[in-house]
């Protein structure tokens, strides 16, 4: 993957920013399924009659390749706490 990105003209910093997490994961070895996973999300979408696989995924990615939990945990404003009727007790 890294060689492909280098051929496409990406810098080392750009490679780390876009696929660094995958390169780190593969440094520990290939996945036990060898890249041929069962696709349970897709199967669940088919069985439930959903038009989009995103409806059955725990953390679907946006068009920019981000998920809702990528920056978690994050600080919460007082306004957000008030809106949800929550209070932080230390």
N, C-alpha and C. Protein backbone atom coordinates (compact mmCIF):
# COMPACT_ATOMS: atom_id res chain seq x y z
N UNK A 1 0.82 -1.19 0.00
CA UNK A 1 0.00 0.00 0.00
C UNK A 1 0.86 1.25 0.00
N UNK A 2 1.89 1.24 0.84
CA UNK A 2 2.74 2.41 0.94
C UNK A 2 3.44 2.68 -0.39
N UNK A 3 3.91 1.62 -1.05
CA UNK A 3 4.60 1.78 -2.34
C UNK A 3 3.66 2.36 -3.39
N UNK A 4 2.41 1.93 -3.36
CA UNK A 4 1.42 2.44 -4.31
C UNK A 4 1.20 3.93 -4.11
N UNK A 5 1.08 4.35 -2.86
CA UNK A 5 0.88 5.77 -2.57
C UNK A 5 2.11 6.59 -2.98
N UNK A 6 3.32 6.02 -2.79
CA UNK A 6 4.53 6.73 -3.20
C UNK A 6 4.56 6.91 -4.71
N UNK A 7 4.17 5.86 -5.45
CA UNK A 7 4.11 5.93 -6.91
C UNK A 7 3.12 7.01 -7.35
N UNK A 8 2.03 7.16 -6.62
CA UNK A 8 1.03 8.18 -6.95
C UNK A 8 1.48 9.58 -6.58
N UNK A 9 2.64 9.71 -5.91
CA UNK A 9 3.19 11.02 -5.62
C UNK A 9 2.89 11.57 -4.25
N UNK A 10 2.38 10.75 -3.33
CA UNK A 10 2.09 11.22 -1.98
C UNK A 10 3.37 11.32 -1.16
N UNK A 11 3.46 12.31 -0.30
CA UNK A 11 4.60 12.45 0.60
C UNK A 11 4.43 11.48 1.77
N UNK A 12 5.51 11.28 2.53
CA UNK A 12 5.46 10.40 3.69
C UNK A 12 4.41 10.88 4.71
N UNK A 13 4.31 12.21 4.88
CA UNK A 13 3.34 12.77 5.83
C UNK A 13 1.91 12.51 5.34
N UNK A 14 1.66 12.65 4.04
CA UNK A 14 0.33 12.41 3.49
C UNK A 14 -0.05 10.94 3.62
N UNK A 15 0.93 10.07 3.40
CA UNK A 15 0.67 8.63 3.53
C UNK A 15 0.29 8.30 4.96
N UNK A 16 1.05 8.82 5.92
CA UNK A 16 0.75 8.55 7.33
C UNK A 16 -0.61 9.10 7.73
N UNK A 17 -0.95 10.28 7.20
CA UNK A 17 -2.24 10.89 7.55
C UNK A 17 -3.41 10.10 6.99
N UNK A 18 -3.26 9.54 5.79
CA UNK A 18 -4.41 8.87 5.17
C UNK A 18 -4.49 7.38 5.48
N UNK A 19 -3.36 6.66 5.48
CA UNK A 19 -3.44 5.21 5.71
C UNK A 19 -2.48 4.73 6.79
N UNK A 20 -1.95 5.65 7.57
CA UNK A 20 -1.00 5.28 8.62
C UNK A 20 -1.56 4.26 9.60
N UNK A 21 -2.85 4.40 9.92
CA UNK A 21 -3.48 3.46 10.85
C UNK A 21 -3.50 2.04 10.28
N UNK A 22 -3.70 1.92 8.96
CA UNK A 22 -3.72 0.60 8.33
C UNK A 22 -2.31 0.01 8.26
N UNK A 23 -1.33 0.86 7.96
CA UNK A 23 0.05 0.38 7.92
C UNK A 23 0.49 -0.13 9.29
N UNK A 24 0.08 0.59 10.33
CA UNK A 24 0.41 0.14 11.69
C UNK A 24 -0.27 -1.20 11.99
N UNK A 25 -1.52 -1.33 11.61
CA UNK A 25 -2.25 -2.57 11.87
C UNK A 25 -1.59 -3.75 11.16
N UNK A 26 -1.19 -3.55 9.89
CA UNK A 26 -0.55 -4.63 9.14
C UNK A 26 0.85 -4.94 9.64
N UNK A 27 1.46 -4.02 10.39
CA UNK A 27 2.79 -4.31 10.94
C UNK A 27 2.71 -5.43 11.98
N UNK A 28 1.50 -5.68 12.51
CA UNK A 28 1.30 -6.77 13.47
C UNK A 28 0.95 -8.08 12.78
N UNK A 29 0.79 -8.06 11.47
CA UNK A 29 0.47 -9.26 10.71
C UNK A 29 -0.84 -9.11 9.95
N UNK A 30 -1.06 -10.03 9.03
CA UNK A 30 -2.28 -10.02 8.22
C UNK A 30 -3.46 -10.47 9.06
N UNK A 31 -4.67 -10.04 8.71
CA UNK A 31 -5.84 -10.49 9.47
C UNK A 31 -6.01 -12.00 9.33
N UNK A 32 -6.55 -12.65 10.36
CA UNK A 32 -6.68 -14.12 10.31
C UNK A 32 -7.57 -14.62 9.19
N UNK A 33 -8.47 -13.80 8.68
CA UNK A 33 -9.34 -14.24 7.60
C UNK A 33 -8.69 -14.02 6.24
N UNK A 34 -7.47 -13.48 6.22
CA UNK A 34 -6.75 -13.30 4.97
C UNK A 34 -7.38 -12.29 4.03
N UNK A 35 -8.21 -11.41 4.55
CA UNK A 35 -8.84 -10.40 3.71
C UNK A 35 -10.19 -10.83 3.14
N UNK A 36 -10.58 -12.05 3.41
CA UNK A 36 -11.88 -12.52 2.92
C UNK A 36 -12.80 -12.67 4.13
N UNK A 37 -13.29 -11.55 4.62
CA UNK A 37 -14.15 -11.55 5.80
C UNK A 37 -15.57 -11.96 5.40
N UNK A 38 -16.36 -12.32 6.37
CA UNK A 38 -17.71 -12.81 6.11
C UNK A 38 -18.67 -11.74 5.61
N UNK A 39 -18.44 -10.50 5.96
CA UNK A 39 -19.33 -9.43 5.52
C UNK A 39 -20.66 -9.47 6.25
N UNK A 40 -20.59 -9.55 7.57
CA UNK A 40 -21.82 -9.64 8.36
C UNK A 40 -22.69 -8.40 8.23
N UNK A 41 -22.07 -7.24 8.05
CA UNK A 41 -22.85 -6.00 7.86
C UNK A 41 -23.70 -6.10 6.60
N UNK A 42 -23.08 -6.59 5.53
CA UNK A 42 -23.80 -6.72 4.26
C UNK A 42 -24.91 -7.78 4.37
N UNK A 43 -24.60 -8.89 5.03
CA UNK A 43 -25.61 -9.94 5.22
C UNK A 43 -26.79 -9.41 6.04
N UNK A 44 -26.50 -8.66 7.10
CA UNK A 44 -27.57 -8.08 7.93
C UNK A 44 -28.42 -7.11 7.11
N UNK A 45 -27.78 -6.32 6.24
CA UNK A 45 -28.53 -5.39 5.39
C UNK A 45 -29.45 -6.14 4.43
N UNK A 46 -28.94 -7.22 3.86
CA UNK A 46 -29.76 -8.01 2.93
C UNK A 46 -30.94 -8.66 3.65
N UNK A 47 -30.67 -9.26 4.81
CA UNK A 47 -31.72 -9.96 5.55
C UNK A 47 -32.79 -9.01 6.10
N UNK A 48 -32.38 -7.77 6.42
CA UNK A 48 -33.34 -6.82 6.97
C UNK A 48 -34.01 -5.97 5.89
N UNK A 49 -33.62 -6.17 4.64
CA UNK A 49 -34.25 -5.45 3.54
C UNK A 49 -33.82 -4.00 3.42
N UNK A 50 -32.68 -3.65 4.02
CA UNK A 50 -32.18 -2.27 3.95
C UNK A 50 -31.59 -2.00 2.58
N UNK A 51 -31.75 -0.78 2.10
CA UNK A 51 -31.16 -0.39 0.82
C UNK A 51 -29.68 -0.05 0.95
N UNK A 52 -29.25 0.38 2.13
CA UNK A 52 -27.87 0.79 2.34
C UNK A 52 -27.23 -0.02 3.45
N UNK A 53 -26.00 -0.47 3.20
CA UNK A 53 -25.25 -1.22 4.21
C UNK A 53 -24.95 -0.34 5.43
N UNK A 54 -24.93 0.97 5.23
CA UNK A 54 -24.65 1.89 6.34
C UNK A 54 -25.69 1.79 7.44
N UNK A 55 -26.88 1.32 7.11
CA UNK A 55 -27.95 1.18 8.12
C UNK A 55 -27.67 0.04 9.09
N UNK A 56 -26.78 -0.89 8.74
CA UNK A 56 -26.50 -2.03 9.61
C UNK A 56 -25.08 -2.01 10.15
N UNK A 57 -24.33 -0.97 9.87
CA UNK A 57 -22.97 -0.86 10.36
C UNK A 57 -22.95 -0.09 11.68
N UNK A 58 -22.09 -0.52 12.61
CA UNK A 58 -22.01 0.14 13.91
C UNK A 58 -21.50 1.58 13.77
N UNK A 59 -20.45 1.79 12.98
CA UNK A 59 -19.87 3.11 12.81
C UNK A 59 -19.60 3.35 11.32
N UNK A 60 -20.65 3.70 10.55
CA UNK A 60 -20.46 3.91 9.12
C UNK A 60 -19.60 5.14 8.85
N UNK A 61 -18.85 5.09 7.76
CA UNK A 61 -18.00 6.22 7.38
C UNK A 61 -18.77 7.23 6.55
N UNK A 62 -18.37 8.47 6.70
CA UNK A 62 -18.95 9.54 5.89
C UNK A 62 -18.25 9.57 4.54
N UNK A 63 -18.64 10.48 3.68
CA UNK A 63 -18.02 10.61 2.37
C UNK A 63 -16.55 10.99 2.48
N UNK A 64 -16.16 11.59 3.60
CA UNK A 64 -14.76 11.99 3.78
C UNK A 64 -13.93 10.92 4.47
N UNK A 65 -14.53 9.74 4.71
CA UNK A 65 -13.80 8.64 5.32
C UNK A 65 -13.63 8.74 6.81
N UNK A 66 -14.55 9.41 7.49
CA UNK A 66 -14.49 9.56 8.94
C UNK A 66 -15.70 8.87 9.57
N UNK A 67 -15.55 8.49 10.82
CA UNK A 67 -16.67 7.92 11.56
C UNK A 67 -17.00 8.85 12.72
N UNK A 68 -18.14 8.61 13.33
CA UNK A 68 -18.60 9.46 14.43
C UNK A 68 -17.71 9.33 15.66
N UNK A 69 -16.94 8.26 15.77
CA UNK A 69 -16.15 8.03 16.98
C UNK A 69 -14.65 8.23 16.78
N UNK A 70 -14.23 8.72 15.63
CA UNK A 70 -12.79 8.87 15.37
C UNK A 70 -12.13 9.87 16.31
N UNK A 71 -12.81 10.91 16.72
CA UNK A 71 -12.22 11.91 17.60
C UNK A 71 -12.68 11.75 19.05
N UNK A 72 -13.24 10.61 19.36
CA UNK A 72 -13.74 10.38 20.71
C UNK A 72 -12.62 9.89 21.62
N UNK A 73 -12.66 10.14 22.88
CA UNK A 73 -13.59 11.03 23.54
C UNK A 73 -13.19 12.49 23.33
N UNK A 74 -14.14 13.34 23.38
CA UNK A 74 -13.90 14.77 23.18
C UNK A 74 -14.57 15.55 24.31
N UNK A 75 -14.10 16.76 24.48
CA UNK A 75 -14.69 17.63 25.51
C UNK A 75 -16.12 18.01 25.12
N UNK A 76 -16.96 18.19 26.12
CA UNK A 76 -18.35 18.53 25.90
C UNK A 76 -18.60 19.92 26.48
N UNK A 77 -19.29 20.74 25.73
CA UNK A 77 -19.57 22.10 26.21
C UNK A 77 -20.69 22.08 27.25
N UNK A 78 -20.75 23.14 28.04
CA UNK A 78 -21.81 23.28 29.03
C UNK A 78 -23.18 23.32 28.35
N UNK A 79 -23.24 23.93 27.18
CA UNK A 79 -24.49 24.01 26.43
C UNK A 79 -24.99 22.61 26.03
N UNK A 80 -24.06 21.74 25.60
CA UNK A 80 -24.45 20.37 25.23
C UNK A 80 -24.93 19.60 26.45
N UNK A 81 -24.25 19.77 27.57
CA UNK A 81 -24.67 19.09 28.80
C UNK A 81 -26.06 19.54 29.21
N UNK A 82 -26.32 20.84 29.14
CA UNK A 82 -27.63 21.38 29.51
C UNK A 82 -28.71 20.83 28.58
N UNK A 83 -28.42 20.78 27.28
CA UNK A 83 -29.39 20.28 26.30
C UNK A 83 -29.78 18.83 26.60
N UNK A 84 -28.83 18.04 27.08
CA UNK A 84 -29.09 16.62 27.37
C UNK A 84 -29.47 16.37 28.83
N UNK A 85 -29.58 17.45 29.59
CA UNK A 85 -29.91 17.35 31.03
C UNK A 85 -28.91 16.47 31.78
N UNK A 86 -27.63 16.69 31.48
CA UNK A 86 -26.57 15.94 32.14
C UNK A 86 -25.73 16.86 33.00
N UNK A 87 -25.10 16.29 34.03
CA UNK A 87 -24.23 17.06 34.91
C UNK A 87 -23.00 16.21 35.19
N UNK A 88 -21.82 16.81 35.11
CA UNK A 88 -20.57 16.10 35.40
C UNK A 88 -20.27 16.28 36.88
N UNK A 89 -20.12 15.18 37.59
CA UNK A 89 -19.80 15.21 39.01
C UNK A 89 -18.38 14.69 39.17
N UNK A 90 -17.53 15.50 39.74
CA UNK A 90 -16.11 15.09 39.91
C UNK A 90 -15.85 14.61 41.31
